[in-house]
Amino acid sequence: MDEDNLLETHPDLMDPDWRKHAQTDAWLGAKKDRKQLRKQQNRARRRPSRRWWGFAAFLLVLAVTTTAIVLAGRRPAHDAGPPDPTSVPDVAPVDLARPYAHTPADVWPKGVDGITAPAPAAVGSFKAETVTEAYAKVKQAITAAHLDPAVLTGHDGKAYAALFAADDRDQIVPELAKKPEKNRGGFAAYVTEIADGYHLLDAGPRTFGTLTARAGAKPGELVVEAKYAVAYAFDHAHPKELLSPAEIVTFERLDETYVLRSGSSFAESSQGLWLENTSSAYSSVGCAAAKEGYLAPGYANPPAPVPTTGERDAPGYYDPKYPVPTLDGCPD
């Protein structure tokens, strides 16, 4: 019997599960080669698709890789390794029972507990107790803006606005009343709202980040810098149709500066919590909803008409020690 017939009747090649994993491995190998030829691009809103084009790519290279795989006796792994803290894979199993598996958020705590602060300590003229209270107030604001179902699905920001000083609240309330597209290029400036028709799984949201305090420029100002990411896991009727958790897990990355003002330097209406500035980016979002100011999963996008580049997202989408990405991956 010649060598070609031996390969065609090899037990491994007759196993459908093995062939499926071999095909995936071959495609991933080709993808790695392509990465070396392309310059990395940052995308503020990643446009994941079902990427069915990927199957065609790795089927083409299978013919030239099968012999090497068989002769080496290599069996592909049935599961990926630990999640990369700064990347979401293009191909990985999707499990609604563990929606964050194979993503950075797999090891993040549920709710606001993933955003940590230093041990209590005095900052300038502020006592440790005051600093601790400031951290708690900022966490309360983050929870109200990005984790509370009243805002996420109820689209009601009254409780969020009530956390701020009266003078700042007078600015926030009109912004919340606007249609999101009239705010900062799509997403609402203060809160996260889920687009109608989409539902979050019970596994999240999850967070990862830090709070740090410093004295402000004026007496009575305590500044808290918040750098964090939030992951949202969306339900899907047919998860087996998906190629990557990027299609159900959306990431929101934020850098925010809060200021707590107190004392005789400020009018009573200005005393309390202020949100001085914020910058944000989104990864794996539904682009149509994003343009209207709402959050939707990546699977809401139509399949991409051409193959995506396969390049890594900027790590700042997932790790707050990196800058917030600035480029937009959604089409105009």
Foldseek 3Di string as FASTA:
>chain_A
DDPVVCLCPPVQNVDVVQVVLLLVVQLVVVLVVLQVVDDFDAALAAQQELQPVSSVVSVVCCVVCSVVCVVVVDGDDPADDAADLQFFANFHAADLVQLCGNHNQSPFDAALVQEEEDDQQAAVVRHSVRVVVVVVLVSVLCCLAEPDCCCAEVVDNPVNLVQFFQVQSVVVVVQSVDFQLVDDQFARFRHAYADPPWDFRPPHWGKHWYWYWHADPDPQKIKIKTWMKIKTFIDDPCSVSHGTSLQGIKMKTKIWMKIAGDDPVDDRSRGGIHTDDMDMGMYQFDVVNRSRRHTHGSHNHHHDPDRDSSHTHGSSRRDRVDDHDDHHPDDD
